[in-house]
Amino acid sequence: MRYKFMFIVGFAVGFIAGARAGRERYEQLKKLAATAADNPAAQQAAAAVQAKATDAARMAKEKFAGPLQGGLNSAKGKVPGLRHKDADAANNGHRFAGTPD
């Protein structure tokens, strides 16, 4: 209950502070953001970050997706006791609700 109260108080303070800043401050921030986005150095930095992120994602996919390529069929031979769930419960030892003992 304490956390909910603190959240509501924080929300109210933020709302009031934002309302006092008003439209003028919003327009100033919007103009500043547009200026920063048009800056060639900022565009170059953003492109470099995007290239690094793409490269990191590709490397992570190569590293972690390789062992997962075979799925359950390749894991069946490597993990003792792992069996595929067949429709016929008697074939793999599974018991389903509603089946006789």
N, C-alpha and C. Protein backbone atom coordinates (compact mmCIF):
# COMPACT_ATOMS: atom_id res chain seq x y z
N MET A 1 0.82 -1.18 0.00
CA MET A 1 0.00 0.00 0.00
C MET A 1 0.88 1.26 0.00
N ARG A 2 2.02 1.17 0.71
CA ARG A 2 2.93 2.31 0.80
C ARG A 2 3.47 2.66 -0.58
N TYR A 3 3.80 1.63 -1.36
CA TYR A 3 4.36 1.86 -2.69
C TYR A 3 3.33 2.49 -3.63
N LYS A 4 2.10 2.07 -3.50
CA LYS A 4 1.03 2.64 -4.32
C LYS A 4 0.85 4.12 -3.99
N PHE A 5 0.88 4.44 -2.71
CA PHE A 5 0.76 5.83 -2.29
C PHE A 5 1.92 6.65 -2.83
N MET A 6 3.14 6.13 -2.72
CA MET A 6 4.32 6.85 -3.21
C MET A 6 4.26 7.04 -4.73
N PHE A 7 3.75 6.05 -5.43
CA PHE A 7 3.59 6.17 -6.88
C PHE A 7 2.62 7.30 -7.22
N ILE A 8 1.50 7.35 -6.52
CA ILE A 8 0.49 8.38 -6.77
C ILE A 8 1.06 9.76 -6.46
N VAL A 9 1.79 9.88 -5.35
CA VAL A 9 2.40 11.17 -4.99
C VAL A 9 3.41 11.57 -6.07
N GLY A 10 4.25 10.64 -6.50
CA GLY A 10 5.22 10.95 -7.54
C GLY A 10 4.57 11.35 -8.84
N PHE A 11 3.52 10.65 -9.20
CA PHE A 11 2.78 10.99 -10.42
C PHE A 11 2.21 12.40 -10.33
N ALA A 12 1.62 12.73 -9.18
CA ALA A 12 1.03 14.06 -8.99
C ALA A 12 2.09 15.15 -9.07
N VAL A 13 3.23 14.93 -8.43
CA VAL A 13 4.30 15.92 -8.47
C VAL A 13 4.79 16.10 -9.90
N GLY A 14 4.99 15.00 -10.62
CA GLY A 14 5.42 15.09 -12.01
C GLY A 14 4.40 15.79 -12.89
N PHE A 15 3.15 15.51 -12.65
CA PHE A 15 2.09 16.13 -13.43
C PHE A 15 2.06 17.64 -13.21
N ILE A 16 2.16 18.04 -11.95
CA ILE A 16 2.13 19.47 -11.62
C ILE A 16 3.36 20.17 -12.19
N ALA A 17 4.53 19.56 -12.02
CA ALA A 17 5.76 20.17 -12.55
C ALA A 17 5.69 20.27 -14.07
N GLY A 18 5.16 19.26 -14.71
CA GLY A 18 5.02 19.30 -16.17
C GLY A 18 4.03 20.35 -16.62
N ALA A 19 2.96 20.51 -15.87
CA ALA A 19 1.95 21.50 -16.24
C ALA A 19 2.50 22.91 -16.07
N ARG A 20 3.35 23.10 -15.06
CA ARG A 20 3.93 24.43 -14.84
C ARG A 20 4.94 24.77 -15.93
N ALA A 21 5.66 23.79 -16.41
CA ALA A 21 6.63 24.04 -17.47
C ALA A 21 5.90 24.55 -18.70
N GLY A 22 4.75 23.95 -18.96
CA GLY A 22 3.88 24.43 -20.00
C GLY A 22 4.35 24.21 -21.43
N ARG A 23 3.62 24.82 -22.30
CA ARG A 23 3.83 24.65 -23.74
C ARG A 23 5.14 25.27 -24.20
N GLU A 24 5.55 26.39 -23.60
CA GLU A 24 6.78 27.05 -24.03
C GLU A 24 8.00 26.14 -23.83
N ARG A 25 8.07 25.52 -22.68
CA ARG A 25 9.21 24.62 -22.40
C ARG A 25 9.17 23.43 -23.33
N TYR A 26 7.98 22.93 -23.62
CA TYR A 26 7.84 21.81 -24.56
C TYR A 26 8.38 22.20 -25.93
N GLU A 27 8.04 23.39 -26.38
CA GLU A 27 8.52 23.84 -27.68
C GLU A 27 10.04 24.02 -27.68
N GLN A 28 10.60 24.50 -26.56
CA GLN A 28 12.06 24.63 -26.46
C GLN A 28 12.73 23.28 -26.55
N LEU A 29 12.21 22.31 -25.83
CA LEU A 29 12.79 20.96 -25.86
C LEU A 29 12.67 20.33 -27.24
N LYS A 30 11.54 20.56 -27.89
CA LYS A 30 11.31 20.03 -29.23
C LYS A 30 12.31 20.63 -30.22
N LYS A 31 12.55 21.94 -30.12
CA LYS A 31 13.50 22.62 -30.99
C LYS A 31 14.93 22.12 -30.74
N LEU A 32 15.28 21.93 -29.46
CA LEU A 32 16.60 21.42 -29.10
C LEU A 32 16.81 20.02 -29.65
N ALA A 33 15.80 19.17 -29.55
CA ALA A 33 15.89 17.80 -30.07
C ALA A 33 16.05 17.80 -31.58
N ALA A 34 15.32 18.66 -32.26
CA ALA A 34 15.42 18.74 -33.73
C ALA A 34 16.81 19.22 -34.14
N THR A 35 17.35 20.19 -33.41
CA THR A 35 18.70 20.69 -33.70
C THR A 35 19.73 19.59 -33.50
N ALA A 36 19.60 18.85 -32.42
CA ALA A 36 20.54 17.77 -32.15
C ALA A 36 20.43 16.67 -33.20
N ALA A 37 19.22 16.38 -33.64
CA ALA A 37 19.02 15.33 -34.65
C ALA A 37 19.58 15.73 -36.01
N ASP A 38 19.60 17.03 -36.29
CA ASP A 38 20.12 17.51 -37.57
C ASP A 38 21.63 17.66 -37.57
N ASN A 39 22.24 17.55 -36.42
CA ASN A 39 23.69 17.70 -36.30
C ASN A 39 24.38 16.51 -36.98
N PRO A 40 25.31 16.76 -37.90
CA PRO A 40 25.99 15.66 -38.60
C PRO A 40 26.76 14.72 -37.67
N ALA A 41 27.34 15.26 -36.61
CA ALA A 41 28.07 14.42 -35.66
C ALA A 41 27.10 13.46 -34.95
N ALA A 42 25.92 13.95 -34.61
CA ALA A 42 24.92 13.10 -33.96
C ALA A 42 24.43 12.02 -34.91
N GLN A 43 24.24 12.38 -36.18
CA GLN A 43 23.81 11.39 -37.17
C GLN A 43 24.88 10.33 -37.38
N GLN A 44 26.14 10.75 -37.40
CA GLN A 44 27.24 9.79 -37.56
C GLN A 44 27.33 8.86 -36.36
N ALA A 45 27.17 9.40 -35.16
CA ALA A 45 27.20 8.59 -33.96
C ALA A 45 26.04 7.59 -33.94
N ALA A 46 24.86 8.05 -34.35
CA ALA A 46 23.70 7.15 -34.39
C ALA A 46 23.91 6.02 -35.39
N ALA A 47 24.52 6.33 -36.54
CA ALA A 47 24.78 5.30 -37.53
C ALA A 47 25.81 4.29 -37.00
N ALA A 48 26.82 4.78 -36.27
CA ALA A 48 27.83 3.89 -35.71
C ALA A 48 27.21 2.96 -34.66
N VAL A 49 26.35 3.53 -33.83
CA VAL A 49 25.67 2.71 -32.81
C VAL A 49 24.79 1.67 -33.46
N GLN A 50 24.08 2.04 -34.51
CA GLN A 50 23.21 1.10 -35.20
C GLN A 50 24.02 -0.03 -35.84
N ALA A 51 25.17 0.31 -36.43
CA ALA A 51 26.01 -0.71 -37.04
C ALA A 51 26.56 -1.67 -35.99
N LYS A 52 26.98 -1.14 -34.85
CA LYS A 52 27.49 -2.00 -33.76
C LYS A 52 26.38 -2.91 -33.24
N ALA A 53 25.18 -2.38 -33.08
CA ALA A 53 24.07 -3.18 -32.58
C ALA A 53 23.71 -4.30 -33.56
N THR A 54 23.72 -3.99 -34.85
CA THR A 54 23.43 -5.00 -35.86
C THR A 54 24.48 -6.10 -35.84
N ASP A 55 25.74 -5.69 -35.72
CA ASP A 55 26.83 -6.66 -35.68
C ASP A 55 26.75 -7.53 -34.42
N ALA A 56 26.45 -6.90 -33.28
CA ALA A 56 26.32 -7.66 -32.03
C ALA A 56 25.16 -8.65 -32.10
N ALA A 57 24.05 -8.25 -32.70
CA ALA A 57 22.90 -9.15 -32.84
C ALA A 57 23.24 -10.33 -33.74
N ARG A 58 23.98 -10.06 -34.82
CA ARG A 58 24.37 -11.14 -35.72
C ARG A 58 25.30 -12.13 -35.01
N MET A 59 26.26 -11.60 -34.26
CA MET A 59 27.20 -12.47 -33.55
C MET A 59 26.48 -13.30 -32.50
N ALA A 60 25.54 -12.69 -31.79
CA ALA A 60 24.79 -13.43 -30.76
C ALA A 60 23.96 -14.52 -31.40
N LYS A 61 23.36 -14.24 -32.55
CA LYS A 61 22.56 -15.25 -33.24
C LYS A 61 23.43 -16.41 -33.67
N GLU A 62 24.62 -16.12 -34.20
CA GLU A 62 25.53 -17.19 -34.63
C GLU A 62 25.98 -18.04 -33.45
N LYS A 63 26.24 -17.38 -32.33
CA LYS A 63 26.77 -18.09 -31.17
C LYS A 63 25.72 -18.96 -30.49
N PHE A 64 24.50 -18.43 -30.35
CA PHE A 64 23.50 -19.14 -29.56
C PHE A 64 22.49 -19.92 -30.38
N ALA A 65 22.26 -19.55 -31.62
CA ALA A 65 21.26 -20.25 -32.41
C ALA A 65 21.81 -21.55 -32.99
N GLY A 66 23.11 -21.67 -33.14
CA GLY A 66 23.70 -22.88 -33.70
C GLY A 66 23.31 -24.13 -32.94
N PRO A 67 23.51 -24.17 -31.61
CA PRO A 67 23.15 -25.38 -30.85
C PRO A 67 21.66 -25.67 -30.84
N LEU A 68 20.83 -24.69 -31.15
CA LEU A 68 19.38 -24.88 -31.09
C LEU A 68 18.78 -25.29 -32.43
N GLN A 69 19.57 -25.36 -33.48
CA GLN A 69 19.05 -25.62 -34.81
C GLN A 69 18.31 -26.96 -34.92
N GLY A 70 18.79 -28.00 -34.24
CA GLY A 70 18.19 -29.32 -34.39
C GLY A 70 16.85 -29.46 -33.69
N GLY A 71 16.56 -28.64 -32.71
CA GLY A 71 15.31 -28.71 -31.98
C GLY A 71 15.21 -29.96 -31.13
N LEU A 72 14.01 -30.45 -30.91
CA LEU A 72 13.76 -31.60 -30.06
C LEU A 72 14.35 -32.88 -30.64
N ASN A 73 14.29 -33.04 -31.94
CA ASN A 73 14.77 -34.28 -32.53
C ASN A 73 16.26 -34.49 -32.28
N SER A 74 17.06 -33.44 -32.35
CA SER A 74 18.48 -33.62 -32.09
C SER A 74 18.73 -33.78 -30.60
N ALA A 75 17.89 -33.18 -29.76
CA ALA A 75 18.08 -33.29 -28.31
C ALA A 75 17.69 -34.68 -27.81
N LYS A 76 16.79 -35.37 -28.50
CA LYS A 76 16.34 -36.69 -28.05
C LYS A 76 17.50 -37.66 -27.92
N GLY A 77 18.43 -37.58 -28.84
CA GLY A 77 19.56 -38.51 -28.78
C GLY A 77 20.61 -38.11 -27.76
N LYS A 78 20.63 -36.88 -27.34
CA LYS A 78 21.66 -36.38 -26.44
C LYS A 78 21.25 -36.37 -24.97
N VAL A 79 19.95 -36.28 -24.70
CA VAL A 79 19.47 -36.20 -23.33
C VAL A 79 18.81 -37.52 -22.96
N PRO A 80 19.38 -38.22 -21.98
CA PRO A 80 18.79 -39.50 -21.60
C PRO A 80 17.39 -39.31 -21.00
N GLY A 81 16.47 -40.14 -21.42
CA GLY A 81 15.12 -40.12 -20.88
C GLY A 81 14.19 -39.13 -21.55
N LEU A 82 14.68 -38.34 -22.49
CA LEU A 82 13.82 -37.38 -23.19
C LEU A 82 13.09 -38.10 -24.31
N ARG A 83 11.77 -38.06 -24.26
CA ARG A 83 10.97 -38.72 -25.27
C ARG A 83 9.96 -37.75 -25.83
N HIS A 84 9.59 -37.96 -27.05
CA HIS A 84 8.57 -37.13 -27.68
C HIS A 84 7.20 -37.60 -27.22
N LYS A 85 6.31 -36.66 -26.94
CA LYS A 85 4.97 -36.99 -26.46
C LYS A 85 4.13 -37.48 -27.63
N ASP A 86 3.81 -38.77 -27.64
CA ASP A 86 2.96 -39.34 -28.68
C ASP A 86 1.50 -39.25 -28.27
N ALA A 87 0.63 -39.39 -29.26
CA ALA A 87 -0.80 -39.38 -28.97
C ALA A 87 -1.18 -40.59 -28.13
N ASP A 88 -0.49 -41.70 -28.33
CA ASP A 88 -0.75 -42.91 -27.58
C ASP A 88 0.10 -42.90 -26.31
N ALA A 89 -0.51 -42.70 -25.16
CA ALA A 89 0.21 -42.57 -23.90
C ALA A 89 0.95 -43.85 -23.53
N ALA A 90 0.47 -44.98 -23.96
CA ALA A 90 1.11 -46.25 -23.60
C ALA A 90 2.49 -46.39 -24.25
N ASN A 91 2.70 -45.74 -25.38
CA ASN A 91 3.98 -45.86 -26.09
C ASN A 91 5.12 -45.13 -25.39
N ASN A 92 4.83 -44.10 -24.64
CA ASN A 92 5.92 -43.34 -24.04
C ASN A 92 5.81 -43.18 -22.53
N GLY A 93 4.91 -43.85 -21.89
CA GLY A 93 4.83 -43.85 -20.44
C GLY A 93 4.05 -42.70 -19.85
N HIS A 94 3.47 -41.84 -20.65
CA HIS A 94 2.69 -40.73 -20.13
C HIS A 94 1.28 -41.20 -19.80
N ARG A 95 0.73 -40.65 -18.73
CA ARG A 95 -0.66 -40.92 -18.40
C ARG A 95 -1.43 -39.64 -18.56
N PHE A 96 -2.55 -39.69 -19.21
CA PHE A 96 -3.38 -38.53 -19.44
C PHE A 96 -4.66 -38.68 -18.64
N ALA A 97 -5.25 -37.54 -18.27
CA ALA A 97 -6.51 -37.57 -17.54
C ALA A 97 -7.58 -38.21 -18.41
N GLY A 98 -8.35 -39.03 -17.84
CA GLY A 98 -9.43 -39.67 -18.57
C GLY A 98 -9.04 -41.01 -19.21
N THR A 99 -7.78 -41.41 -19.09
CA THR A 99 -7.39 -42.71 -19.64
C THR A 99 -7.43 -43.74 -18.52
N PRO A 100 -7.86 -44.93 -18.83
CA PRO A 100 -7.93 -45.97 -17.79
C PRO A 100 -6.54 -46.40 -17.37
N ASP A 101 -6.41 -46.85 -16.12
CA ASP A 101 -5.11 -47.31 -15.59
C ASP A 101 -4.67 -48.58 -16.22
